[in-house]
PDB file of N, CA and C in Angstrom:
ATOM      1  N   MET A   1      -6.422  13.460  -3.824  1.00  0.00           N
ATOM      2  CA  MET A   1      -7.519  12.555  -3.615  1.00  0.00           C
ATOM      3  C   MET A   1      -6.972  11.137  -3.372  1.00  0.00           C
ATOM      4  N   ILE A   2      -7.588  10.442  -2.467  1.00  0.00           N
ATOM      5  CA  ILE A   2      -7.197   9.071  -2.156  1.00  0.00           C
ATOM      6  C   ILE A   2      -8.204   8.129  -2.817  1.00  0.00           C
ATOM      7  N   ASP A   3      -7.706   7.256  -3.676  1.00  0.00           N
ATOM      8  CA  ASP A   3      -8.562   6.242  -4.291  1.00  0.00           C
ATOM      9  C   ASP A   3      -8.680   5.058  -3.340  1.00  0.00           C
ATOM     10  N   HIS A   4      -9.787   4.388  -3.404  1.00  0.00           N
ATOM     11  CA  HIS A   4     -10.016   3.184  -2.607  1.00  0.00           C
ATOM     12  C   HIS A   4     -10.105   2.018  -3.576  1.00  0.00           C
ATOM     13  N   VAL A   5      -9.160   1.081  -3.470  1.00  0.00           N
ATOM     14  CA  VAL A   5      -9.113  -0.042  -4.401  1.00  0.00           C
ATOM     15  C   VAL A   5      -9.070  -1.356  -3.625  1.00  0.00           C
ATOM     16  N   ARG A   6      -9.768  -2.326  -4.126  1.00  0.00           N
ATOM     17  CA  ARG A   6      -9.683  -3.682  -3.590  1.00  0.00           C
ATOM     18  C   ARG A   6      -8.392  -4.300  -4.115  1.00  0.00           C
ATOM     19  N   PRO A   7      -7.854  -5.307  -3.473  1.00  0.00           N
ATOM     20  CA  PRO A   7      -6.623  -5.926  -3.964  1.00  0.00           C
ATOM     21  C   PRO A   7      -6.705  -6.367  -5.423  1.00  0.00           C
ATOM     22  N   THR A   8      -7.847  -6.881  -5.847  1.00  0.00           N
ATOM     23  CA  THR A   8      -7.988  -7.318  -7.241  1.00  0.00           C
ATOM     24  C   THR A   8      -7.978  -6.158  -8.227  1.00  0.00           C
ATOM     25  N   GLN A   9      -8.265  -4.947  -7.759  1.00  0.00           N
ATOM     26  CA  GLN A   9      -8.289  -3.760  -8.618  1.00  0.00           C
ATOM     27  C   GLN A   9      -6.935  -3.066  -8.704  1.00  0.00           C
ATOM     28  N   LEU A  10      -5.988  -3.514  -7.902  1.00  0.00           N
ATOM     29  CA  LEU A  10      -4.700  -2.822  -7.820  1.00  0.00           C
ATOM     30  C   LEU A  10      -3.950  -2.759  -9.154  1.00  0.00           C
ATOM     31  N   PRO A  11      -3.849  -3.841  -9.926  1.00  0.00           N
ATOM     32  CA  PRO A  11      -3.147  -3.721 -11.213  1.00  0.00           C
ATOM     33  C   PRO A  11      -3.754  -2.656 -12.132  1.00  0.00           C
ATOM     34  N   ALA A  12      -5.073  -2.565 -12.179  1.00  0.00           N
ATOM     35  CA  ALA A  12      -5.710  -1.546 -13.019  1.00  0.00           C
ATOM     36  C   ALA A  12      -5.426  -0.150 -12.486  1.00  0.00           C
ATOM     37  N   TRP A  13      -5.431   0.010 -11.157  1.00  0.00           N
ATOM     38  CA  TRP A  13      -5.128   1.317 -10.579  1.00  0.00           C
ATOM     39  C   TRP A  13      -3.703   1.715 -10.908  1.00  0.00           C
ATOM     40  N   PHE A  14      -2.764   0.763 -10.781  1.00  0.00           N
ATOM     41  CA  PHE A  14      -1.365   1.061 -11.114  1.00  0.00           C
ATOM     42  C   PHE A  14      -1.235   1.447 -12.583  1.00  0.00           C
ATOM     43  N   ALA A  15      -1.922   0.749 -13.468  1.00  0.00           N
ATOM     44  CA  ALA A  15      -1.845   1.057 -14.901  1.00  0.00           C
ATOM     45  C   ALA A  15      -2.355   2.463 -15.184  1.00  0.00           C
ATOM     46  N   ALA A  16      -3.419   2.859 -14.497  1.00  0.00           N
ATOM     47  CA  ALA A  16      -3.967   4.206 -14.698  1.00  0.00           C
ATOM     48  C   ALA A  16      -3.105   5.265 -14.027  1.00  0.00           C
ATOM     49  N   ALA A  17      -2.531   4.947 -12.878  1.00  0.00           N
ATOM     50  CA  ALA A  17      -1.761   5.933 -12.110  1.00  0.00           C
ATOM     51  C   ALA A  17      -0.346   6.104 -12.652  1.00  0.00           C
ATOM     52  N   ALA A  18       0.188   5.081 -13.306  1.00  0.00           N
ATOM     53  CA  ALA A  18       1.549   5.145 -13.846  1.00  0.00           C
ATOM     54  C   ALA A  18       1.540   4.719 -15.306  1.00  0.00           C
ATOM     55  N   PRO A  19       0.869   5.497 -16.177  1.00  0.00           N
ATOM     56  CA  PRO A  19       0.709   5.071 -17.565  1.00  0.00           C
ATOM     57  C   PRO A  19       2.018   5.002 -18.351  1.00  0.00           C
ATOM     58  N   GLN A  20       3.046   5.728 -17.935  1.00  0.00           N
ATOM     59  CA  GLN A  20       4.322   5.699 -18.646  1.00  0.00           C
ATOM     60  C   GLN A  20       5.178   4.506 -18.234  1.00  0.00           C
ATOM     61  N   GLY A  21       4.624   3.624 -17.418  1.00  0.00           N
ATOM     62  CA  GLY A  21       5.363   2.431 -17.051  1.00  0.00           C
ATOM     63  C   GLY A  21       6.268   2.610 -15.841  1.00  0.00           C
ATOM     64  N   GLY A  22       6.092   3.696 -15.083  1.00  0.00           N
ATOM     65  CA  GLY A  22       6.876   3.865 -13.859  1.00  0.00           C
ATOM     66  C   GLY A  22       6.560   2.755 -12.874  1.00  0.00           C
ATOM     67  N   ARG A  23       7.478   2.483 -11.981  1.00  0.00           N
ATOM     68  CA  ARG A  23       7.292   1.390 -11.015  1.00  0.00           C
ATOM     69  C   ARG A  23       6.522   1.892  -9.804  1.00  0.00           C
ATOM     70  N   PRO A  24       5.287   1.457  -9.641  1.00  0.00           N
ATOM     71  CA  PRO A  24       4.479   1.887  -8.504  1.00  0.00           C
ATOM     72  C   PRO A  24       4.957   1.220  -7.212  1.00  0.00           C
ATOM     73  N   LEU A  25       4.436   1.734  -6.101  1.00  0.00           N
ATOM     74  CA  LEU A  25       4.863   1.294  -4.779  1.00  0.00           C
ATOM     75  C   LEU A  25       3.664   0.838  -3.959  1.00  0.00           C
ATOM     76  N   VAL A  26       3.812  -0.288  -3.280  1.00  0.00           N
ATOM     77  CA  VAL A  26       2.893  -0.679  -2.225  1.00  0.00           C
ATOM     78  C   VAL A  26       3.634  -0.425  -0.922  1.00  0.00           C
ATOM     79  N   LEU A  27       3.077   0.473  -0.126  1.00  0.00           N
ATOM     80  CA  LEU A  27       3.657   0.841   1.159  1.00  0.00           C
ATOM     81  C   LEU A  27       2.919   0.070   2.244  1.00  0.00           C
ATOM     82  N   ASP A  28       3.590  -0.913   2.834  1.00  0.00           N
ATOM     83  CA  ASP A  28       3.006  -1.745   3.880  1.00  0.00           C
ATOM     84  C   ASP A  28       3.314  -1.081   5.214  1.00  0.00           C
ATOM     85  N   VAL A  29       2.273  -0.633   5.910  1.00  0.00           N
ATOM     86  CA  VAL A  29       2.463   0.143   7.141  1.00  0.00           C
ATOM     87  C   VAL A  29       2.221  -0.686   8.404  1.00  0.00           C
ATOM     88  N   ARG A  30       2.195  -2.009   8.258  1.00  0.00           N
ATOM     89  CA  ARG A  30       1.977  -2.871   9.417  1.00  0.00           C
ATOM     90  C   ARG A  30       3.251  -2.995  10.259  1.00  0.00           C
ATOM     91  N   GLU A  31       3.087  -3.548  11.435  1.00  0.00           N
ATOM     92  CA  GLU A  31       4.190  -3.745  12.370  1.00  0.00           C
ATOM     93  C   GLU A  31       5.049  -4.941  11.944  1.00  0.00           C
ATOM     94  N   PRO A  32       6.323  -4.970  12.381  1.00  0.00           N
ATOM     95  CA  PRO A  32       7.212  -6.073  11.984  1.00  0.00           C
ATOM     96  C   PRO A  32       6.648  -7.470  12.280  1.00  0.00           C
ATOM     97  N   TRP A  33       5.991  -7.641  13.419  1.00  0.00           N
ATOM     98  CA  TRP A  33       5.444  -8.975  13.730  1.00  0.00           C
ATOM     99  C   TRP A  33       4.359  -9.371  12.732  1.00  0.00           C
ATOM    100  N   GLU A  34       3.631  -8.366  12.211  1.00  0.00           N
ATOM    101  CA  GLU A  34       2.599  -8.652  11.221  1.00  0.00           C
ATOM    102  C   GLU A  34       3.223  -9.083   9.897  1.00  0.00           C
ATOM    103  N   LEU A  35       4.340  -8.433   9.536  1.00  0.00           N
ATOM    104  CA  LEU A  35       5.038  -8.793   8.299  1.00  0.00           C
ATOM    105  C   LEU A  35       5.560 -10.217   8.374  1.00  0.00           C
ATOM    106  N   GLN A  36       6.003 -10.636   9.565  1.00  0.00           N
ATOM    107  CA  GLN A  36       6.479 -12.006   9.739  1.00  0.00           C
ATOM    108  C   GLN A  36       5.326 -13.001   9.648  1.00  0.00           C
ATOM    109  N   THR A  37       4.142 -12.567  10.038  1.00  0.00           N
ATOM    110  CA  THR A  37       2.972 -13.439  10.007  1.00  0.00           C
ATOM    111  C   THR A  37       2.451 -13.621   8.586  1.00  0.00           C
ATOM    112  N   ALA A  38       2.388 -12.529   7.826  1.00  0.00           N
ATOM    113  CA  ALA A  38       1.832 -12.575   6.472  1.00  0.00           C
ATOM    114  C   ALA A  38       2.385 -11.411   5.664  1.00  0.00           C
ATOM    115  N   SER A  39       2.732 -11.687   4.426  1.00  0.00           N
ATOM    116  CA  SER A  39       3.210 -10.629   3.552  1.00  0.00           C
ATOM    117  C   SER A  39       2.799 -10.926   2.118  1.00  0.00           C
ATOM    118  N   VAL A  40       2.722  -9.877   1.331  1.00  0.00           N
ATOM    119  CA  VAL A  40       2.395 -10.046  -0.088  1.00  0.00           C
ATOM    120  C   VAL A  40       3.687 -10.194  -0.876  1.00  0.00           C
ATOM    121  N   ARG A  41       3.560 -10.747  -2.051  1.00  0.00           N
ATOM    122  CA  ARG A  41       4.691 -10.895  -2.965  1.00  0.00           C
ATOM    123  C   ARG A  41       4.625  -9.746  -3.961  1.00  0.00           C
ATOM    124  N   ALA A  42       5.725  -9.029  -4.103  1.00  0.00           N
ATOM    125  CA  ALA A  42       5.765  -7.914  -5.045  1.00  0.00           C
ATOM    126  C   ALA A  42       5.704  -8.465  -6.473  1.00  0.00           C
ATOM    127  N   ASP A  43       4.683  -8.057  -7.203  1.00  0.00           N
ATOM    128  CA  ASP A  43       4.494  -8.509  -8.571  1.00  0.00           C
ATOM    129  C   ASP A  43       4.005  -7.318  -9.391  1.00  0.00           C
ATOM    130  N   GLY A  44       4.926  -6.674 -10.103  1.00  0.00           N
ATOM    131  CA  GLY A  44       4.574  -5.504 -10.895  1.00  0.00           C
ATOM    132  C   GLY A  44       4.629  -4.212 -10.105  1.00  0.00           C
ATOM    133  N   PHE A  45       5.126  -4.281  -8.886  1.00  0.00           N
ATOM    134  CA  PHE A  45       5.268  -3.101  -8.031  1.00  0.00           C
ATOM    135  C   PHE A  45       6.410  -3.345  -7.050  1.00  0.00           C
ATOM    136  N   GLU A  46       6.896  -2.272  -6.487  1.00  0.00           N
ATOM    137  CA  GLU A  46       7.877  -2.395  -5.411  1.00  0.00           C
ATOM    138  C   GLU A  46       7.116  -2.452  -4.096  1.00  0.00           C
ATOM    139  N   LEU A  47       7.611  -3.229  -3.159  1.00  0.00           N
ATOM    140  CA  LEU A  47       7.017  -3.348  -1.837  1.00  0.00           C
ATOM    141  C   LEU A  47       7.987  -2.770  -0.823  1.00  0.00           C
ATOM    142  N   LEU A  48       7.491  -1.819  -0.028  1.00  0.00           N
ATOM    143  CA  LEU A  48       8.309  -1.200   1.010  1.00  0.00           C
ATOM    144  C   LEU A  48       7.526  -1.237   2.310  1.00  0.00           C
ATOM    145  N   ALA A  49       8.175  -1.708   3.363  1.00  0.00           N
ATOM    146  CA  ALA A  49       7.533  -1.779   4.678  1.00  0.00           C
ATOM    147  C   ALA A  49       8.082  -0.686   5.580  1.00  0.00           C
ATOM    148  N   ILE A  50       7.193   0.195   6.007  1.00  0.00           N
ATOM    149  CA  ILE A  50       7.508   1.219   7.001  1.00  0.00           C
ATOM    150  C   ILE A  50       6.336   1.240   7.974  1.00  0.00           C
ATOM    151  N   PRO A  51       6.550   0.796   9.219  1.00  0.00           N
ATOM    152  CA  PRO A  51       5.445   0.834  10.182  1.00  0.00           C
ATOM    153  C   PRO A  51       4.868   2.238  10.311  1.00  0.00           C
ATOM    154  N   MET A  52       3.556   2.321  10.503  1.00  0.00           N
ATOM    155  CA  MET A  52       2.875   3.607  10.555  1.00  0.00           C
ATOM    156  C   MET A  52       3.548   4.586  11.509  1.00  0.00           C
ATOM    157  N   GLY A  53       3.942   4.130  12.675  1.00  0.00           N
ATOM    158  CA  GLY A  53       4.547   5.014  13.664  1.00  0.00           C
ATOM    159  C   GLY A  53       5.905   5.571  13.267  1.00  0.00           C
ATOM    160  N   GLU A  54       6.579   4.917  12.332  1.00  0.00           N
ATOM    161  CA  GLU A  54       7.897   5.377  11.878  1.00  0.00           C
ATOM    162  C   GLU A  54       7.813   6.314  10.676  1.00  0.00           C
ATOM    163  N   LEU A  55       6.664   6.380  10.057  1.00  0.00           N
ATOM    164  CA  LEU A  55       6.546   7.102   8.794  1.00  0.00           C
ATOM    165  C   LEU A  55       6.936   8.579   8.867  1.00  0.00           C
ATOM    166  N   PRO A  56       6.520   9.348   9.891  1.00  0.00           N
ATOM    167  CA  PRO A  56       6.919  10.757   9.904  1.00  0.00           C
ATOM    168  C   PRO A  56       8.439  10.959   9.842  1.00  0.00           C
ATOM    169  N   GLY A  57       9.186  10.107  10.499  1.00  0.00           N
ATOM    170  CA  GLY A  57      10.637  10.223  10.490  1.00  0.00           C
ATOM    171  C   GLY A  57      11.293   9.664   9.244  1.00  0.00           C
ATOM    172  N   ARG A  58      10.542   8.930   8.443  1.00  0.00           N
ATOM    173  CA  ARG A  58      11.105   8.302   7.242  1.00  0.00           C
ATOM    174  C   ARG A  58      10.464   8.810   5.956  1.00  0.00           C
ATOM    175  N   LEU A  59       9.731   9.897   6.058  1.00  0.00           N
ATOM    176  CA  LEU A  59       9.007  10.447   4.910  1.00  0.00           C
ATOM    177  C   LEU A  59       9.934  10.749   3.733  1.00  0.00           C
ATOM    178  N   ALA A  60      11.146  11.166   4.012  1.00  0.00           N
ATOM    179  CA  ALA A  60      12.093  11.521   2.955  1.00  0.00           C
ATOM    180  C   ALA A  60      12.480  10.325   2.084  1.00  0.00           C
ATOM    181  N   GLU A  61      12.194   9.103   2.530  1.00  0.00           N
ATOM    182  CA  GLU A  61      12.503   7.908   1.746  1.00  0.00           C
ATOM    183  C   GLU A  61      11.528   7.709   0.591  1.00  0.00           C
ATOM    184  N   LEU A  62      10.422   8.442   0.596  1.00  0.00           N
ATOM    185  CA  LEU A  62       9.369   8.245  -0.392  1.00  0.00           C
ATOM    186  C   LEU A  62       9.365   9.354  -1.429  1.00  0.00           C
ATOM    187  N   ASP A  63       8.972   9.006  -2.648  1.00  0.00           N
ATOM    188  CA  ASP A  63       8.874   9.944  -3.764  1.00  0.00           C
ATOM    189  C   ASP A  63       7.429  10.426  -3.879  1.00  0.00           C
ATOM    190  N   ARG A  64       7.214  11.722  -3.717  1.00  0.00           N
ATOM    191  CA  ARG A  64       5.861  12.288  -3.722  1.00  0.00           C
ATOM    192  C   ARG A  64       5.127  12.115  -5.052  1.00  0.00           C
ATOM    193  N   SER A  65       5.870  11.938  -6.135  1.00  0.00           N
ATOM    194  CA  SER A  65       5.229  11.816  -7.447  1.00  0.00           C
ATOM    195  C   SER A  65       4.979  10.358  -7.856  1.00  0.00           C
ATOM    196  N   ARG A  66       5.429   9.419  -7.062  1.00  0.00           N
ATOM    197  CA  ARG A  66       5.286   8.001  -7.396  1.00  0.00           C
ATOM    198  C   ARG A  66       3.915   7.473  -6.959  1.00  0.00           C
ATOM    199  N   PRO A  67       3.216   6.750  -7.824  1.00  0.00           N
ATOM    200  CA  PRO A  67       1.952   6.146  -7.403  1.00  0.00           C
ATOM    201  C   PRO A  67       2.190   5.211  -6.216  1.00  0.00           C
ATOM    202  N   THR A  68       1.459   5.463  -5.135  1.00  0.00           N
ATOM    203  CA  THR A  68       1.663   4.724  -3.890  1.00  0.00           C
ATOM    204  C   THR A  68       0.331   4.198  -3.375  1.00  0.00           C
ATOM    205  N   ALA A  69       0.283   2.893  -3.156  1.00  0.00           N
ATOM    206  CA  ALA A  69      -0.888   2.256  -2.567  1.00  0.00           C
ATOM    207  C   ALA A  69      -0.505   1.781  -1.171  1.00  0.00           C
ATOM    208  N   CYS A  70      -1.297   2.150  -0.185  1.00  0.00           N
ATOM    209  CA  CYS A  70      -1.002   1.846   1.209  1.00  0.00           C
ATOM    210  C   CYS A  70      -1.741   0.583   1.646  1.00  0.00           C
ATOM    211  N   LEU A  71      -1.045  -0.243   2.422  1.00  0.00           N
ATOM    212  CA  LEU A  71      -1.562  -1.541   2.839  1.00  0.00           C
ATOM    213  C   LEU A  71      -1.378  -1.731   4.341  1.00  0.00           C
ATOM    214  N   CYS A  72      -2.413  -2.256   4.998  1.00  0.00           N
ATOM    215  CA  CYS A  72      -2.297  -2.664   6.401  1.00  0.00           C
ATOM    216  C   CYS A  72      -3.089  -3.963   6.567  1.00  0.00           C
ATOM    217  N   HIS A  73      -3.581  -4.232   7.769  1.00  0.00           N
ATOM    218  CA  HIS A  73      -4.305  -5.480   8.017  1.00  0.00           C
ATOM    219  C   HIS A  73      -5.694  -5.473   7.378  1.00  0.00           C
ATOM    220  N   HIS A  74      -6.494  -4.441   7.668  1.00  0.00           N
ATOM    221  CA  HIS A  74      -7.851  -4.363   7.127  1.00  0.00           C
ATOM    222  C   HIS A  74      -8.133  -3.083   6.335  1.00  0.00           C
ATOM    223  N   GLY A  75      -7.290  -2.079   6.434  1.00  0.00           N
ATOM    224  CA  GLY A  75      -7.475  -0.857   5.657  1.00  0.00           C
ATOM    225  C   GLY A  75      -7.624   0.416   6.456  1.00  0.00           C
ATOM    226  N   ALA A  76      -7.731   0.346   7.784  1.00  0.00           N
ATOM    227  CA  ALA A  76      -7.918   1.560   8.584  1.00  0.00           C
ATOM    228  C   ALA A  76      -6.607   2.325   8.759  1.00  0.00           C
ATOM    229  N   ARG A  77      -5.558   1.643   9.173  1.00  0.00           N
ATOM    230  CA  ARG A  77      -4.258   2.320   9.336  1.00  0.00           C
ATOM    231  C   ARG A  77      -3.762   2.855   8.004  1.00  0.00           C
ATOM    232  N   SER A  78      -3.900   2.055   6.959  1.00  0.00           N
ATOM    233  CA  SER A  78      -3.406   2.489   5.654  1.00  0.00           C
ATOM    234  C   SER A  78      -4.161   3.707   5.143  1.00  0.00           C
ATOM    235  N   LEU A  79      -5.429   3.831   5.476  1.00  0.00           N
ATOM    236  CA  LEU A  79      -6.185   5.023   5.091  1.00  0.00           C
ATOM    237  C   LEU A  79      -5.652   6.250   5.824  1.00  0.00           C
ATOM    238  N   ARG A  80      -5.339   6.107   7.102  1.00  0.00           N
ATOM    239  CA  ARG A  80      -4.748   7.231   7.851  1.00  0.00           C
ATOM    240  C   ARG A  80      -3.390   7.618   7.269  1.00  0.00           C
ATOM    241  N   VAL A  81      -2.605   6.624   6.893  1.00  0.00           N
ATOM    242  CA  VAL A  81      -1.301   6.909   6.284  1.00  0.00           C
ATOM    243  C   VAL A  81      -1.485   7.604   4.943  1.00  0.00           C
ATOM    244  N   ALA A  82      -2.424   7.149   4.135  1.00  0.00           N
ATOM    245  CA  ALA A  82      -2.677   7.800   2.849  1.00  0.00           C
ATOM    246  C   ALA A  82      -3.080   9.261   3.051  1.00  0.00           C
ATOM    247  N   ALA A  83      -3.903   9.531   4.056  1.00  0.00           N
ATOM    248  CA  ALA A  83      -4.295  10.920   4.349  1.00  0.00           C
ATOM    249  C   ALA A  83      -3.086  11.738   4.789  1.00  0.00           C
ATOM    250  N   PHE A  84      -2.204  11.151   5.579  1.00  0.00           N
ATOM    251  CA  PHE A  84      -0.972  11.815   6.005  1.00  0.00           C
ATOM    252  C   PHE A  84      -0.100  12.145   4.791  1.00  0.00           C
ATOM    253  N   LEU A  85       0.039  11.179   3.889  1.00  0.00           N
ATOM    254  CA  LEU A  85       0.847  11.406   2.688  1.00  0.00           C
ATOM    255  C   LEU A  85       0.218  12.474   1.796  1.00  0.00           C
ATOM    256  N   GLU A  86      -1.092  12.444   1.665  1.00  0.00           N
ATOM    257  CA  GLU A  86      -1.779  13.460   0.863  1.00  0.00           C
ATOM    258  C   GLU A  86      -1.521  14.853   1.447  1.00  0.00           C
ATOM    259  N   HIS A  87      -1.579  14.958   2.749  1.00  0.00           N
ATOM    260  CA  HIS A  87      -1.309  16.225   3.435  1.00  0.00           C
ATOM    261  C   HIS A  87       0.117  16.715   3.160  1.00  0.00           C
ATOM    262  N   HIS A  88       1.020  15.789   2.920  1.00  0.00           N
ATOM    263  CA  HIS A  88       2.423  16.129   2.661  1.00  0.00           C
ATOM    264  C   HIS A  88       2.756  16.185   1.168  1.00  0.00           C
ATOM    265  N   GLY A  89       1.745  16.323   0.329  1.00  0.00           N
ATOM    266  CA  GLY A  89       1.978  16.617  -1.078  1.00  0.00           C
ATOM    267  C   GLY A  89       2.120  15.433  -2.010  1.00  0.00           C
ATOM    268  N   PHE A  90       1.786  14.236  -1.560  1.00  0.00           N
ATOM    269  CA  PHE A  90       1.843  13.098  -2.456  1.00  0.00           C
ATOM    270  C   PHE A  90       0.700  13.191  -3.452  1.00  0.00           C
ATOM    271  N   GLU A  91       0.989  12.851  -4.706  1.00  0.00           N
ATOM    272  CA  GLU A  91       0.067  13.137  -5.795  1.00  0.00           C
ATOM    273  C   GLU A  91      -0.879  11.996  -6.161  1.00  0.00           C
ATOM    274  N   SER A  92      -0.425  10.767  -6.089  1.00  0.00           N
ATOM    275  CA  SER A  92      -1.212   9.639  -6.574  1.00  0.00           C
ATOM    276  C   SER A  92      -1.251   8.560  -5.493  1.00  0.00           C
ATOM    277  N   LEU A  93      -2.385   8.508  -4.780  1.00  0.00           N
ATOM    278  CA  LEU A  93      -2.492   7.634  -3.611  1.00  0.00           C
ATOM    279  C   LEU A  93      -3.715   6.735  -3.679  1.00  0.00           C
ATOM    280  N   ALA A  94      -3.537   5.540  -3.143  1.00  0.00           N
ATOM    281  CA  ALA A  94      -4.666   4.627  -2.991  1.00  0.00           C
ATOM    282  C   ALA A  94      -4.574   3.945  -1.636  1.00  0.00           C
ATOM    283  N   ASN A  95      -5.730   3.636  -1.090  1.00  0.00           N
ATOM    284  CA  ASN A  95      -5.818   2.786   0.088  1.00  0.00           C
ATOM    285  C   ASN A  95      -6.301   1.424  -0.405  1.00  0.00           C
ATOM    286  N   ILE A  96      -5.574   0.368  -0.009  1.00  0.00           N
ATOM    287  CA  ILE A  96      -5.986  -0.975  -0.389  1.00  0.00           C
ATOM    288  C   ILE A  96      -7.059  -1.414   0.598  1.00  0.00           C
ATOM    289  N   THR A  97      -8.295  -1.283   0.175  1.00  0.00           N
ATOM    290  CA  THR A  97      -9.457  -1.550   1.015  1.00  0.00           C
ATOM    291  C   THR A  97      -9.515  -3.035   1.368  1.00  0.00           C
ATOM    292  N   GLY A  98      -9.642  -3.305   2.643  1.00  0.00           N
ATOM    293  CA  GLY A  98      -9.677  -4.684   3.110  1.00  0.00           C
ATOM    294  C   GLY A  98      -8.322  -5.212   3.509  1.00  0.00           C
ATOM    295  N   GLY A  99      -7.256  -4.484   3.141  1.00  0.00           N
ATOM    296  CA  GLY A  99      -5.907  -4.809   3.559  1.00  0.00           C
ATOM    297  C   GLY A  99      -5.427  -6.186   3.138  1.00  0.00           C
ATOM    298  N   ILE A 100      -4.450  -6.667   3.893  1.00  0.00           N
ATOM    299  CA  ILE A 100      -3.860  -7.957   3.565  1.00  0.00           C
ATOM    300  C   ILE A 100      -4.851  -9.097   3.790  1.00  0.00           C
ATOM    301  N   ASP A 101      -5.825  -8.866   4.658  1.00  0.00           N
ATOM    302  CA  ASP A 101      -6.856  -9.877   4.864  1.00  0.00           C
ATOM    303  C   ASP A 101      -7.641 -10.095   3.567  1.00  0.00           C
ATOM    304  N   ALA A 102      -8.024  -9.017   2.911  1.00  0.00           N
ATOM    305  CA  ALA A 102      -8.725  -9.119   1.626  1.00  0.00           C
ATOM    306  C   ALA A 102      -7.792  -9.669   0.551  1.00  0.00           C
ATOM    307  N   TRP A 103      -6.504  -9.300   0.623  1.00  0.00           N
ATOM    308  CA  TRP A 103      -5.522  -9.800  -0.339  1.00  0.00           C
ATOM    309  C   TRP A 103      -5.506 -11.327  -0.300  1.00  0.00           C
ATOM    310  N   SER A 104      -5.508 -11.874   0.908  1.00  0.00           N
ATOM    311  CA  SER A 104      -5.503 -13.322   1.077  1.00  0.00           C
ATOM    312  C   SER A 104      -6.758 -13.953   0.468  1.00  0.00           C
ATOM    313  N   GLN A 105      -7.896 -13.313   0.661  1.00  0.00           N
ATOM    314  CA  GLN A 105      -9.163 -13.858   0.165  1.00  0.00           C
ATOM    315  C   GLN A 105      -9.333 -13.681  -1.339  1.00  0.00           C
ATOM    316  N   GLU A 106      -8.836 -12.560  -1.884  1.00  0.00           N
ATOM    317  CA  GLU A 106      -9.105 -12.221  -3.281  1.00  0.00           C
ATOM    318  C   GLU A 106      -7.977 -12.562  -4.255  1.00  0.00           C
ATOM    319  N   CYS A 107      -6.732 -12.509  -3.774  1.00  0.00           N
ATOM    320  CA  CYS A 107      -5.598 -12.626  -4.710  1.00  0.00           C
ATOM    321  C   CYS A 107      -4.698 -13.826  -4.453  1.00  0.00           C
ATOM    322  N   ASP A 108      -4.412 -14.103  -3.197  1.00  0.00           N
ATOM    323  CA  ASP A 108      -3.421 -15.138  -2.896  1.00  0.00           C
ATOM    324  C   ASP A 108      -3.799 -15.848  -1.606  1.00  0.00           C
ATOM    325  N   PRO A 109      -4.514 -16.970  -1.715  1.00  0.00           N
ATOM    326  CA  PRO A 109      -4.925 -17.692  -0.513  1.00  0.00           C
ATOM    327  C   PRO A 109      -3.742 -18.254   0.272  1.00  0.00           C
ATOM    328  N   GLY A 110      -2.544 -18.226  -0.312  1.00  0.00           N
ATOM    329  CA  GLY A 110      -1.346 -18.670   0.399  1.00  0.00           C
ATOM    330  C   GLY A 110      -0.890 -17.665   1.446  1.00  0.00           C
ATOM    331  N   VAL A 111      -1.427 -16.449   1.401  1.00  0.00           N
ATOM    332  CA  VAL A 111      -1.092 -15.442   2.414  1.00  0.00           C
ATOM    333  C   VAL A 111      -1.920 -15.758   3.652  1.00  0.00           C
ATOM    334  N   PRO A 112      -1.263 -16.036   4.787  1.00  0.00           N
ATOM    335  CA  PRO A 112      -2.026 -16.389   5.994  1.00  0.00           C
ATOM    336  C   PRO A 112      -2.925 -15.254   6.469  1.00  0.00           C
ATOM    337  N   ARG A 113      -4.081 -15.635   6.987  1.00  0.00           N
ATOM    338  CA  ARG A 113      -4.993 -14.664   7.587  1.00  0.00           C
ATOM    339  C   ARG A 113      -4.761 -14.675   9.088  1.00  0.00           C
ATOM    340  N   TYR A 114      -4.826 -13.495   9.676  1.00  0.00           N
ATOM    341  CA  TYR A 114      -4.632 -13.405  11.142  1.00  0.00           C
ATOM    342  C   TYR A 114      -5.575 -12.397  11.733  1.00  0.00           C
TER     343      TYR A 114
END
């Protein structure tokens, strides 16, 4: 099942998804130019950037049992990636609804909007 969480809900989702204190992952699936334009600061999670189109070839880099929240610009690409990961046996997944645009509005206004 894919959970849908707003950026402000992410810490609570991580706490519920990784109760033993494991390090959760935010998987940023945006393109390199987007990462240069705006990025989040990893705080209480690891941040890994793999563009959506590269993910099938880089799937082995990810741990299927690790809580993973997917991030893109507004949430559409990240939802497709979360569905792809679910299909490949990932156990604990979330889509960050609203993407980095919502992150900028809800969590860190220093993150540029584009």
